[in-house]
N, C-alpha and C. Protein backbone atom coordinates (compact mmCIF):
# COMPACT_ATOMS: atom_id res chain seq x y z
N MET A 1 6.26 188.69 237.63
CA MET A 1 7.64 188.85 236.41
C MET A 1 7.88 187.86 235.98
N SER A 2 8.64 188.58 234.46
CA SER A 2 8.50 187.39 233.59
C SER A 2 9.61 186.85 234.20
N GLY A 3 9.53 185.16 233.59
CA GLY A 3 10.55 184.86 233.43
C GLY A 3 12.09 184.80 232.74
N ALA A 4 12.13 185.60 231.54
CA ALA A 4 13.16 186.22 231.09
C ALA A 4 13.94 186.98 232.44
N ILE A 5 13.40 187.56 233.18
CA ILE A 5 14.00 188.61 234.11
C ILE A 5 14.77 187.95 234.99
N ALA A 6 13.76 186.78 235.41
CA ALA A 6 14.35 186.00 236.98
C ALA A 6 14.80 185.08 236.10
N ALA A 7 15.37 184.42 235.08
CA ALA A 7 16.59 184.15 234.52
C ALA A 7 17.82 184.71 234.54
N ALA A 8 17.55 185.54 234.05
CA ALA A 8 18.69 187.16 234.05
C ALA A 8 19.23 187.20 235.81
N LEU A 9 17.92 187.68 236.44
CA LEU A 9 19.04 187.85 237.72
C LEU A 9 19.38 186.61 238.23
N ALA A 10 18.97 185.50 238.07
CA ALA A 10 19.56 183.96 238.73
C ALA A 10 20.65 183.91 238.22
N ALA A 11 20.76 184.20 236.55
CA ALA A 11 22.34 184.30 236.23
C ALA A 11 23.40 184.97 236.86
N GLY A 12 22.70 185.93 237.26
CA GLY A 12 23.54 186.72 237.91
C GLY A 12 24.45 186.62 239.56
N GLY A 13 23.95 185.39 240.14
CA GLY A 13 23.71 184.79 241.05
C GLY A 13 23.06 185.22 242.30
N LEU A 14 21.51 186.12 242.01
CA LEU A 14 21.06 186.43 242.53
C LEU A 14 19.69 185.76 242.77
N SER A 15 19.18 185.52 244.03
CA SER A 15 17.93 184.86 244.61
C SER A 15 16.73 185.88 244.77
N LEU A 16 15.79 185.39 244.91
CA LEU A 16 14.70 186.18 245.20
C LEU A 16 14.68 186.47 247.12
N ARG A 17 14.75 187.61 247.94
CA ARG A 17 15.12 187.46 248.93
C ARG A 17 13.37 187.95 249.89
N ALA A 18 12.19 188.74 249.14
CA ALA A 18 11.30 189.06 249.39
C ALA A 18 10.78 189.88 248.24
N THR A 19 9.32 189.92 248.86
CA THR A 19 8.47 190.68 247.84
C THR A 19 7.18 191.26 248.35
N ASN A 20 6.73 192.65 248.65
CA ASN A 20 6.31 193.56 249.10
C ASN A 20 5.39 193.87 247.84
N THR A 21 3.97 193.54 248.20
CA THR A 21 2.91 194.05 247.27
C THR A 21 2.06 195.03 248.12
N TYR A 22 1.80 196.14 247.70
CA TYR A 22 0.59 197.30 248.22
C TYR A 22 -0.20 197.55 246.99
N THR A 23 -1.58 197.74 247.78
CA THR A 23 -3.32 197.81 247.39
C THR A 23 -3.29 199.60 247.33
N THR A 24 -2.82 200.13 248.66
CA THR A 24 -3.26 200.97 248.94
C THR A 24 -1.63 201.60 249.56
N GLY A 25 -1.60 203.04 250.12
CA GLY A 25 -0.69 203.76 250.42
C GLY A 25 -0.72 205.17 249.69
N THR A 26 -0.59 206.32 250.74
CA THR A 26 0.13 207.40 250.01
C THR A 26 0.89 208.38 250.85
N GLY A 27 1.93 208.59 250.41
CA GLY A 27 3.09 208.95 250.60
C GLY A 27 3.68 208.07 251.46
N ALA A 28 3.70 206.82 251.15
CA ALA A 28 4.06 205.43 252.11
C ALA A 28 5.82 205.37 251.84
N THR A 29 6.76 204.62 252.45
CA THR A 29 7.73 204.54 252.60
C THR A 29 8.10 202.89 252.37
N GLU A 30 8.59 202.84 251.71
CA GLU A 30 9.10 201.11 251.40
C GLU A 30 10.77 201.21 251.81
N THR A 31 10.97 200.01 252.85
CA THR A 31 12.50 200.21 252.95
C THR A 31 13.18 198.93 252.55
N VAL A 32 14.27 198.97 252.33
CA VAL A 32 14.84 198.07 251.43
C VAL A 32 15.52 196.84 252.53
N PRO A 33 14.83 195.59 252.11
CA PRO A 33 15.39 194.70 253.36
C PRO A 33 16.91 194.18 253.45
N ALA A 34 17.38 193.66 254.38
CA ALA A 34 18.73 192.79 254.44
C ALA A 34 19.13 192.36 253.55
N GLY A 35 20.14 192.09 252.95
CA GLY A 35 20.34 190.97 251.95
C GLY A 35 20.37 191.52 250.10
N ALA A 36 19.30 192.46 250.23
CA ALA A 36 19.00 192.33 248.93
C ALA A 36 20.26 193.93 248.38
N SER A 37 20.23 193.18 246.91
CA SER A 37 21.17 194.39 245.77
C SER A 37 20.34 195.07 244.62
N GLN A 38 19.14 194.24 244.59
CA GLN A 38 18.67 194.53 243.19
C GLN A 38 17.40 194.47 244.10
N VAL A 39 16.49 195.46 242.95
CA VAL A 39 15.00 195.31 243.16
C VAL A 39 14.08 195.52 242.37
N ARG A 40 13.07 194.71 241.83
CA ARG A 40 12.00 195.21 240.61
C ARG A 40 11.03 195.57 240.75
N ILE A 41 10.93 196.47 240.45
CA ILE A 41 9.81 197.38 241.28
C ILE A 41 8.12 197.68 239.45
N THR A 42 7.08 196.85 240.09
CA THR A 42 6.21 197.08 238.94
C THR A 42 5.18 198.15 239.67
N ASN A 43 4.66 199.06 238.60
CA ASN A 43 4.20 200.05 239.07
C ASN A 43 2.83 200.40 238.35
N SER A 44 1.46 200.15 238.72
CA SER A 44 0.51 199.78 238.04
C SER A 44 -0.64 200.87 238.17
N GLY A 45 -0.83 201.52 237.36
CA GLY A 45 -2.12 203.08 237.66
C GLY A 45 -3.43 202.07 237.71
N GLY A 46 -4.20 203.06 238.25
CA GLY A 46 -5.92 202.56 238.33
C GLY A 46 -6.26 202.75 236.98
N GLY A 47 -7.51 202.00 237.02
CA GLY A 47 -8.94 202.27 235.64
C GLY A 47 -9.73 203.55 235.86
N GLY A 48 -9.93 204.16 234.88
CA GLY A 48 -11.18 205.11 234.88
C GLY A 48 -12.47 204.82 235.24
N SER A 49 -13.43 205.53 235.63
CA SER A 49 -14.65 204.80 236.10
C SER A 49 -15.50 204.90 234.57
N GLY A 50 -16.56 204.26 234.34
CA GLY A 50 -17.58 203.83 233.04
C GLY A 50 -18.20 205.61 233.20
N GLY A 51 -18.77 205.75 232.33
CA GLY A 51 -20.11 206.81 231.65
C GLY A 51 -21.38 206.19 231.76
N PHE A 52 -22.24 207.38 232.26
CA PHE A 52 -23.78 206.92 232.42
C PHE A 52 -24.58 207.98 230.86
N ASP A 53 -24.94 207.04 230.40
CA ASP A 53 -26.09 207.47 229.52
C ASP A 53 -27.33 206.82 229.20
N ASN A 54 -28.36 207.11 230.14
CA ASN A 54 -29.69 206.39 229.90
C ASN A 54 -30.89 207.13 228.80
N ILE A 55 -30.18 207.98 228.31
CA ILE A 55 -31.08 208.45 227.08
C ILE A 55 -31.42 207.40 226.03
N GLY A 56 -32.56 206.42 225.56
CA GLY A 56 -32.70 205.87 225.04
C GLY A 56 -31.45 204.80 225.03
N ALA A 57 -31.25 204.40 226.44
CA ALA A 57 -30.44 203.03 227.05
C ALA A 57 -29.68 203.38 226.39
N ALA A 58 -28.73 204.09 226.13
CA ALA A 58 -28.10 204.46 225.35
C ALA A 58 -26.36 203.66 225.38
N PHE A 59 -26.60 203.23 226.74
CA PHE A 59 -24.96 203.32 227.59
C PHE A 59 -23.61 204.43 227.43
N GLY A 60 -22.86 204.61 228.54
CA GLY A 60 -22.02 205.17 228.62
C GLY A 60 -20.86 204.69 227.81
N GLY A 61 -19.69 205.14 227.67
CA GLY A 61 -18.50 204.70 227.08
C GLY A 61 -17.57 204.60 228.53
N ALA A 62 -16.95 203.37 228.27
CA ALA A 62 -16.51 202.65 229.69
C ALA A 62 -15.05 203.53 229.61
N GLY A 63 -14.55 203.10 231.05
CA GLY A 63 -13.19 204.00 231.39
C GLY A 63 -11.90 203.12 230.56
N GLY A 64 -11.09 203.81 230.79
CA GLY A 64 -9.50 203.23 230.51
C GLY A 64 -9.05 202.40 231.59
N GLY A 65 -8.08 201.49 230.87
CA GLY A 65 -7.25 200.79 231.98
C GLY A 65 -6.10 201.55 232.12
N GLY A 66 -5.70 201.78 233.45
CA GLY A 66 -4.82 202.21 233.74
C GLY A 66 -3.20 201.30 233.18
N GLY A 67 -2.27 202.48 233.01
CA GLY A 67 -0.45 202.07 232.93
C GLY A 67 -0.08 201.10 233.48
N GLU A 68 1.34 201.16 232.62
CA GLU A 68 1.93 199.88 234.19
C GLU A 68 3.40 200.36 233.31
N GLY A 69 4.55 200.54 234.39
CA GLY A 69 5.99 200.26 234.32
C GLY A 69 6.77 199.44 235.34
N PHE A 70 8.10 198.66 234.65
CA PHE A 70 8.95 197.84 235.30
C PHE A 70 10.30 198.41 235.38
N LYS A 71 10.79 198.51 236.37
CA LYS A 71 12.46 198.70 236.55
C LYS A 71 12.88 197.82 237.46
N THR A 72 14.32 197.63 237.07
CA THR A 72 14.98 196.83 237.87
C THR A 72 16.22 197.57 237.90
N ILE A 73 16.66 197.97 239.42
CA ILE A 73 17.41 198.85 239.49
C ILE A 73 18.90 198.35 240.99
N ALA A 74 20.05 198.50 241.03
CA ALA A 74 20.57 198.44 242.15
C ALA A 74 20.53 199.49 243.69
N VAL A 75 20.28 198.47 244.36
CA VAL A 75 19.70 198.72 245.90
C VAL A 75 20.96 198.28 246.57
N SER A 76 20.88 199.04 248.14
CA SER A 76 21.50 198.85 249.80
C SER A 76 20.40 198.65 250.53
N PRO A 77 20.52 197.78 251.60
CA PRO A 77 19.86 197.18 252.65
C PRO A 77 19.72 198.91 253.49
N GLY A 78 18.38 198.99 253.77
CA GLY A 78 18.26 200.41 254.73
C GLY A 78 17.96 201.61 253.86
N GLN A 79 18.09 201.68 252.66
CA GLN A 79 17.71 202.76 251.66
C GLN A 79 15.90 202.60 251.60
N THR A 80 15.82 203.98 251.26
CA THR A 80 14.26 203.76 251.22
C THR A 80 13.35 204.75 250.10
N MET A 81 12.03 204.06 249.53
CA MET A 81 11.78 204.65 248.23
C MET A 81 10.35 205.08 249.00
N THR A 82 9.72 206.28 248.43
CA THR A 82 8.20 206.67 248.91
C THR A 82 7.01 206.01 247.55
N TYR A 83 6.51 205.78 248.22
CA TYR A 83 4.86 205.34 246.99
C TYR A 83 3.20 206.13 247.38
N THR A 84 2.99 205.91 246.00
CA THR A 84 1.47 206.21 246.10
C THR A 84 1.14 204.96 245.29
N VAL A 85 -0.39 204.75 246.13
CA VAL A 85 -1.19 203.64 245.09
C VAL A 85 -2.42 204.24 244.77
N ALA A 86 -2.76 203.99 243.31
CA ALA A 86 -4.04 204.45 242.67
C ALA A 86 -4.97 203.60 243.61
N ALA A 87 -5.65 204.70 244.39
CA ALA A 87 -7.23 204.50 244.90
C ALA A 87 -8.15 204.43 243.23
N SER A 88 -9.63 203.63 244.13
CA SER A 88 -10.26 203.51 242.47
C SER A 88 -11.21 204.25 242.67
N VAL A 89 -11.91 204.28 241.86
CA VAL A 89 -12.90 205.77 241.59
C VAL A 89 -14.59 205.05 241.41
N ALA A 90 -15.31 205.52 241.63
CA ALA A 90 -16.55 205.14 241.94
C ALA A 90 -17.20 205.78 240.64
N GLY A 91 -18.15 204.68 240.16
CA GLY A 91 -18.98 204.84 239.00
C GLY A 91 -20.17 206.15 239.37
N ARG A 92 -20.93 205.84 238.82
CA ARG A 92 -21.77 207.17 238.44
C ARG A 92 -23.36 206.53 238.25
N SER A 93 -24.32 207.24 238.86
CA SER A 93 -25.51 206.42 238.66
C SER A 93 -26.68 207.90 237.80
N THR A 94 -26.14 209.09 237.33
CA THR A 94 -26.57 209.74 236.64
C THR A 94 -25.85 210.02 235.09
N ASN A 95 -26.92 210.58 234.12
CA ASN A 95 -26.01 210.82 233.03
C ASN A 95 -25.00 212.01 233.14
N GLY A 96 -23.58 211.57 232.48
CA GLY A 96 -22.16 212.31 232.54
C GLY A 96 -21.42 211.08 232.41
N SER A 97 -19.83 211.89 232.42
CA SER A 97 -18.63 211.03 232.32
C SER A 97 -18.50 210.74 233.73
N GLY A 98 -17.98 209.33 233.85
CA GLY A 98 -17.13 208.60 234.71
C GLY A 98 -15.81 209.61 235.61
N THR A 99 -14.97 209.35 236.09
CA THR A 99 -13.82 210.03 236.58
C THR A 99 -12.60 209.41 235.89
N ASN A 100 -11.51 209.66 236.33
CA ASN A 100 -10.19 209.74 235.62
C ASN A 100 -9.72 208.65 236.78
N GLY A 101 -9.10 208.00 236.31
CA GLY A 101 -8.43 206.90 237.11
C GLY A 101 -6.99 207.58 237.74
N ASN A 102 -7.02 207.25 238.85
CA ASN A 102 -5.68 207.60 239.79
C ASN A 102 -3.91 207.27 239.16
N ALA A 103 -3.46 207.87 239.35
CA ALA A 103 -1.61 207.26 239.54
C ALA A 103 -1.08 207.03 239.97
N SER A 104 -0.25 206.08 240.12
CA SER A 104 0.16 205.20 241.19
C SER A 104 1.95 205.85 240.78
N THR A 105 2.67 206.32 241.88
CA THR A 105 4.27 206.54 241.57
C THR A 105 5.04 206.13 242.64
N VAL A 106 6.40 205.58 242.13
CA VAL A 106 7.24 205.07 243.23
C VAL A 106 8.23 206.15 242.58
N SER A 107 9.10 206.91 244.09
CA SER A 107 10.37 207.59 243.85
C SER A 107 11.40 207.47 244.94
N GLY A 108 12.40 207.78 244.45
CA GLY A 108 13.76 207.66 245.35
C GLY A 108 15.00 207.87 245.14
N THR A 109 15.68 207.74 245.84
CA THR A 109 17.27 207.67 244.82
C THR A 109 18.27 206.10 246.41
N VAL A 110 18.39 205.46 245.23
CA VAL A 110 19.21 204.85 245.77
C VAL A 110 20.53 204.19 245.06
N THR A 111 21.19 203.30 245.42
CA THR A 111 22.72 202.86 244.67
C THR A 111 22.50 202.92 243.30
N GLY A 112 21.58 202.93 242.58
CA GLY A 112 21.62 202.12 241.28
C GLY A 112 21.18 203.87 240.80
N GLY A 113 20.77 205.10 241.53
CA GLY A 113 20.52 206.32 240.87
C GLY A 113 19.07 206.40 241.36
N VAL A 114 18.64 207.43 240.51
CA VAL A 114 17.44 208.31 240.80
C VAL A 114 16.08 207.25 240.54
N ILE A 115 14.95 206.73 241.01
CA ILE A 115 13.77 206.37 240.53
C ILE A 115 12.43 207.45 240.63
N SER A 116 12.20 207.56 239.55
CA SER A 116 11.17 208.44 239.66
C SER A 116 10.07 207.97 238.54
N MET A 117 8.79 206.76 238.95
CA MET A 117 8.20 205.92 238.14
C MET A 117 6.65 206.67 238.34
N THR A 118 6.34 206.70 237.50
CA THR A 118 4.46 207.31 237.60
C THR A 118 3.84 206.47 236.22
N ALA A 119 2.94 205.99 236.86
CA ALA A 119 2.00 204.78 235.98
C ALA A 119 0.50 205.77 236.07
N ASN A 120 0.04 206.29 234.86
CA ASN A 120 -1.33 206.95 234.70
C ASN A 120 -2.50 206.56 234.89
N GLY A 121 -3.64 207.23 235.46
CA GLY A 121 -4.76 206.07 235.34
C GLY A 121 -5.86 206.18 234.17
N GLY A 122 -6.22 205.41 233.38
CA GLY A 122 -7.07 205.92 232.26
C GLY A 122 -8.56 206.31 232.77
N ALA A 123 -8.38 207.06 231.23
CA ALA A 123 -9.38 208.22 230.97
C ALA A 123 -10.69 207.77 231.51
N SER A 124 -11.54 208.52 231.81
CA SER A 124 -13.09 208.12 232.20
C SER A 124 -13.86 208.05 230.57
N GLY A 125 -14.65 206.99 230.70
CA GLY A 125 -15.32 206.59 230.15
C GLY A 125 -16.71 208.12 229.47
N LYS A 126 -17.08 208.33 228.92
CA LYS A 126 -17.85 209.28 228.25
C LYS A 126 -19.29 209.09 228.39
N GLY A 127 -20.46 210.34 228.80
CA GLY A 127 -21.84 210.05 229.08
C GLY A 127 -22.27 211.22 228.41
N SER A 128 -22.93 211.15 227.26
CA SER A 128 -23.64 212.28 226.73
C SER A 128 -24.41 211.98 225.68
N ALA A 129 -25.63 212.26 225.56
CA ALA A 129 -26.44 211.41 224.01
C ALA A 129 -25.33 211.98 222.62
N GLY A 130 -24.82 211.03 222.38
CA GLY A 130 -24.46 211.04 221.15
C GLY A 130 -22.71 211.28 220.93
N SER A 131 -22.28 211.02 222.50
CA SER A 131 -20.83 211.22 222.96
C SER A 131 -20.15 210.52 223.36
N ASP A 132 -20.55 209.19 224.05
CA ASP A 132 -20.83 208.06 224.41
C ASP A 132 -18.95 207.79 224.33
N LEU A 133 -18.20 208.01 224.63
CA LEU A 133 -16.79 207.94 223.88
C LEU A 133 -15.98 206.89 225.11
N GLY A 134 -15.53 205.60 224.62
CA GLY A 134 -14.44 204.93 225.87
C GLY A 134 -13.46 205.97 226.22
N GLY A 135 -13.01 205.86 227.57
CA GLY A 135 -11.57 206.37 227.34
C GLY A 135 -10.39 205.99 227.25
N ALA A 136 -9.33 206.60 227.29
CA ALA A 136 -8.05 206.06 226.67
C ALA A 136 -7.25 205.43 227.97
N GLY A 137 -6.49 204.84 227.39
CA GLY A 137 -5.45 204.07 228.28
C GLY A 137 -4.78 204.88 228.94
N GLY A 138 -4.56 204.39 230.27
CA GLY A 138 -3.21 205.44 230.89
C GLY A 138 -1.57 204.91 230.01
N THR A 139 -0.83 206.10 230.20
CA THR A 139 0.63 205.73 229.95
C THR A 139 1.12 205.63 231.23
N SER A 140 2.34 205.30 231.04
CA SER A 140 3.96 205.49 231.93
C SER A 140 4.72 205.54 231.65
N THR A 141 5.78 206.46 233.08
CA THR A 141 6.91 206.45 232.43
C THR A 141 7.73 206.41 233.78
N GLY A 142 8.94 206.25 233.42
CA GLY A 142 10.20 206.50 234.88
C GLY A 142 10.65 204.62 234.51
N GLY A 143 9.63 203.70 233.88
CA GLY A 143 10.47 202.62 233.78
C GLY A 143 11.30 202.15 232.84
N ASP A 144 12.00 200.93 233.34
CA ASP A 144 13.04 200.41 231.78
C ASP A 144 12.25 200.05 230.86
N THR A 145 10.81 199.70 230.91
CA THR A 145 9.29 199.08 230.19
C THR A 145 8.35 199.93 230.60
N ASN A 146 7.63 200.59 229.85
CA ASN A 146 6.23 201.18 229.62
C ASN A 146 5.02 200.82 229.35
N THR A 147 4.36 200.73 229.88
CA THR A 147 2.98 199.91 228.82
C THR A 147 1.73 200.80 229.18
N SER A 148 1.27 201.20 228.30
CA SER A 148 -0.14 201.52 228.22
C SER A 148 -1.34 200.66 228.52
N GLY A 149 -2.08 201.26 229.49
CA GLY A 149 -3.48 200.39 229.42
C GLY A 149 -4.66 200.23 228.28
N ALA A 150 -5.27 199.50 228.04
CA ALA A 150 -6.19 199.44 227.33
C ALA A 150 -7.04 200.42 227.13
N ALA A 151 -7.63 200.95 225.95
CA ALA A 151 -9.30 201.86 225.42
C ALA A 151 -10.29 201.56 226.12
N GLY A 152 -11.54 201.72 226.92
CA GLY A 152 -12.74 201.31 227.26
C GLY A 152 -13.37 201.59 225.95
N ASP A 153 -14.53 200.57 226.03
CA ASP A 153 -15.07 200.77 224.71
C ASP A 153 -16.31 201.71 224.79
N PRO A 154 -16.23 202.13 223.09
CA PRO A 154 -17.31 203.20 223.31
C PRO A 154 -19.06 202.75 223.51
N GLY A 155 -19.72 203.47 224.15
CA GLY A 155 -21.02 203.09 224.44
C GLY A 155 -22.27 203.47 222.90
N GLY A 156 -23.18 203.77 223.95
CA GLY A 156 -24.11 203.97 222.37
C GLY A 156 -24.82 202.94 221.90
N GLY A 157 -25.72 203.04 221.46
CA GLY A 157 -27.01 202.05 220.30
C GLY A 157 -27.30 200.67 221.18
N GLY A 158 -27.66 201.26 222.85
CA GLY A 158 -28.29 200.19 223.76
C GLY A 158 -26.97 199.03 223.76
N VAL A 159 -25.62 198.88 223.51
CA VAL A 159 -24.90 197.65 223.99
C VAL A 159 -24.21 198.36 224.81
N LEU A 160 -24.15 197.21 225.63
CA LEU A 160 -22.97 197.24 227.02
C LEU A 160 -20.94 197.80 226.43
N SER A 161 -20.88 198.47 227.49
CA SER A 161 -19.62 199.22 226.80
C SER A 161 -18.89 198.40 228.10
N ILE A 162 -17.55 197.95 227.83
CA ILE A 162 -16.58 197.08 228.47
C ILE A 162 -15.30 197.99 228.59
N GLY A 163 -15.16 197.72 229.81
CA GLY A 163 -13.88 198.97 230.30
C GLY A 163 -12.80 198.54 229.97
N GLY A 164 -11.94 199.32 229.65
CA GLY A 164 -10.07 198.86 228.96
C GLY A 164 -9.55 198.06 230.30
N THR A 165 -8.74 196.86 229.97
CA THR A 165 -7.93 196.20 230.77
C THR A 165 -6.75 196.81 231.00
N GLY A 166 -6.14 197.06 232.44
CA GLY A 166 -5.22 197.51 232.80
C GLY A 166 -3.75 197.11 231.77
N ALA A 167 -2.67 197.73 231.76
CA ALA A 167 -1.68 196.76 231.52
C ALA A 167 -1.03 195.87 232.03
N GLY A 168 -1.62 195.75 233.50
CA GLY A 168 -0.93 194.23 234.09
C GLY A 168 -1.95 194.10 234.56
N ALA A 169 -1.65 193.25 235.88
CA ALA A 169 -2.52 192.66 236.60
C ALA A 169 -3.50 193.94 237.21
N ALA A 170 -3.74 195.15 237.50
CA ALA A 170 -4.49 195.98 238.12
C ALA A 170 -5.09 196.99 236.95
N GLY A 171 -5.64 197.99 237.86
CA GLY A 171 -6.12 198.44 236.94
C GLY A 171 -7.32 198.88 235.76
N SER A 172 -8.48 197.93 235.94
CA SER A 172 -9.03 198.08 234.72
C SER A 172 -10.02 199.14 234.69
N GLY A 173 -10.77 199.59 233.59
CA GLY A 173 -11.37 200.25 233.72
C GLY A 173 -12.87 199.90 233.84
N GLY A 174 -13.74 200.87 234.48
CA GLY A 174 -15.46 200.21 234.84
C GLY A 174 -16.43 200.22 233.37
N ASN A 175 -17.07 199.91 233.95
CA ASN A 175 -18.18 199.26 232.50
C ASN A 175 -19.43 200.70 232.29
N GLY A 176 -19.42 201.12 230.95
CA GLY A 176 -20.64 202.19 230.91
C GLY A 176 -21.77 201.38 230.93
N ALA A 177 -22.77 202.52 231.61
CA ALA A 177 -24.04 202.04 231.78
C ALA A 177 -25.12 203.05 231.27
N ALA A 178 -26.43 202.22 231.56
CA ALA A 178 -27.19 202.97 231.09
C ALA A 178 -28.47 203.13 232.28
N SER A 179 -28.10 202.16 233.23
CA SER A 179 -29.11 202.19 234.52
C SER A 179 -28.06 201.63 235.61
N GLY A 180 -28.91 201.72 236.78
CA GLY A 180 -27.94 201.49 237.90
C GLY A 180 -27.01 202.62 238.05
N THR A 181 -25.33 201.82 238.18
CA THR A 181 -24.52 202.53 238.27
C THR A 181 -23.16 201.70 237.37
N SER A 182 -22.58 203.01 236.89
CA SER A 182 -21.72 202.46 236.41
C SER A 182 -20.57 201.91 236.79
N GLY A 183 -19.71 201.26 236.03
CA GLY A 183 -18.65 200.59 236.78
C GLY A 183 -17.14 201.65 237.54
N ALA A 184 -17.32 201.09 238.46
CA ALA A 184 -15.97 201.88 239.26
C ALA A 184 -14.50 201.36 238.50
N GLY A 185 -13.41 202.30 238.63
CA GLY A 185 -12.28 202.15 237.75
C GLY A 185 -11.39 201.29 239.08
N ALA A 186 -10.66 200.29 238.82
CA ALA A 186 -10.07 199.34 240.05
C ALA A 186 -9.08 200.06 240.20
N GLY A 187 -8.61 199.73 241.32
CA GLY A 187 -7.30 200.35 241.86
C GLY A 187 -5.94 199.89 241.18
N GLY A 188 -4.76 200.75 241.70
CA GLY A 188 -3.49 200.29 241.22
C GLY A 188 -3.24 199.32 241.97
N ARG A 189 -1.62 199.17 241.87
CA ARG A 189 -1.11 198.24 242.40
C ARG A 189 0.41 198.36 242.39
N ILE A 190 1.35 198.55 243.55
CA ILE A 190 2.87 198.69 243.16
C ILE A 190 3.17 197.08 243.94
N ARG A 191 4.31 196.68 243.43
CA ARG A 191 5.26 195.55 244.14
C ARG A 191 6.68 196.08 243.78
N PHE A 192 7.46 195.45 244.65
CA PHE A 192 8.97 195.56 244.86
C PHE A 192 9.27 194.06 245.18
N GLU A 193 9.94 193.83 244.24
CA GLU A 193 10.77 192.35 243.94
C GLU A 193 12.02 192.57 244.65
N TYR A 194 12.96 191.65 245.83
CA TYR A 194 13.93 192.17 246.31
C TYR A 194 14.83 191.29 245.84
N TYR A 195 16.13 191.27 245.14
CA TYR A 195 16.97 189.59 245.05
C TYR A 195 18.39 190.60 245.37
N GLY A 196 19.47 189.59 245.89
CA GLY A 196 20.67 189.49 246.73
C GLY A 196 21.34 188.38 246.33
């Protein structure tokens, strides 16, 4: 969490009560702990995997990084939110495009209103002779602040293509490849920071 947000919460007389960070979970439930009156949610999508192109050792395009959103909202102990963390996606070892990254989501109705956050995964890197494009970065919606992931490098020309970074600490795209297996797209992450 940024120092500015922590300072603003502290200025309001709030202190950190608990932090829960998840790298897995599908349709899972998060329960607001005792003593919490605010939650800061960080929602990060997954990265796309790299493409594969071994025609002339061209290298496939790299996958894009996942998007990320932040939201601070009032909560009460015992309220629940539902979340799904983006799973990683595998690279490939034959010519063709990688796999698009998965989205991370958080939803629920709490004291401060409705939560509906989606951090989309980065697009896959392409792998086709003459069309080894890098994947676009994933977008994010529903946060107070939403940031897109970085695009993956294009492939071609025999030069290694590097995957795009996720908008936060998770969800980087996979590198493109011309041999072996292209890089996997990293999974997402969701963090709940409770203040009271």
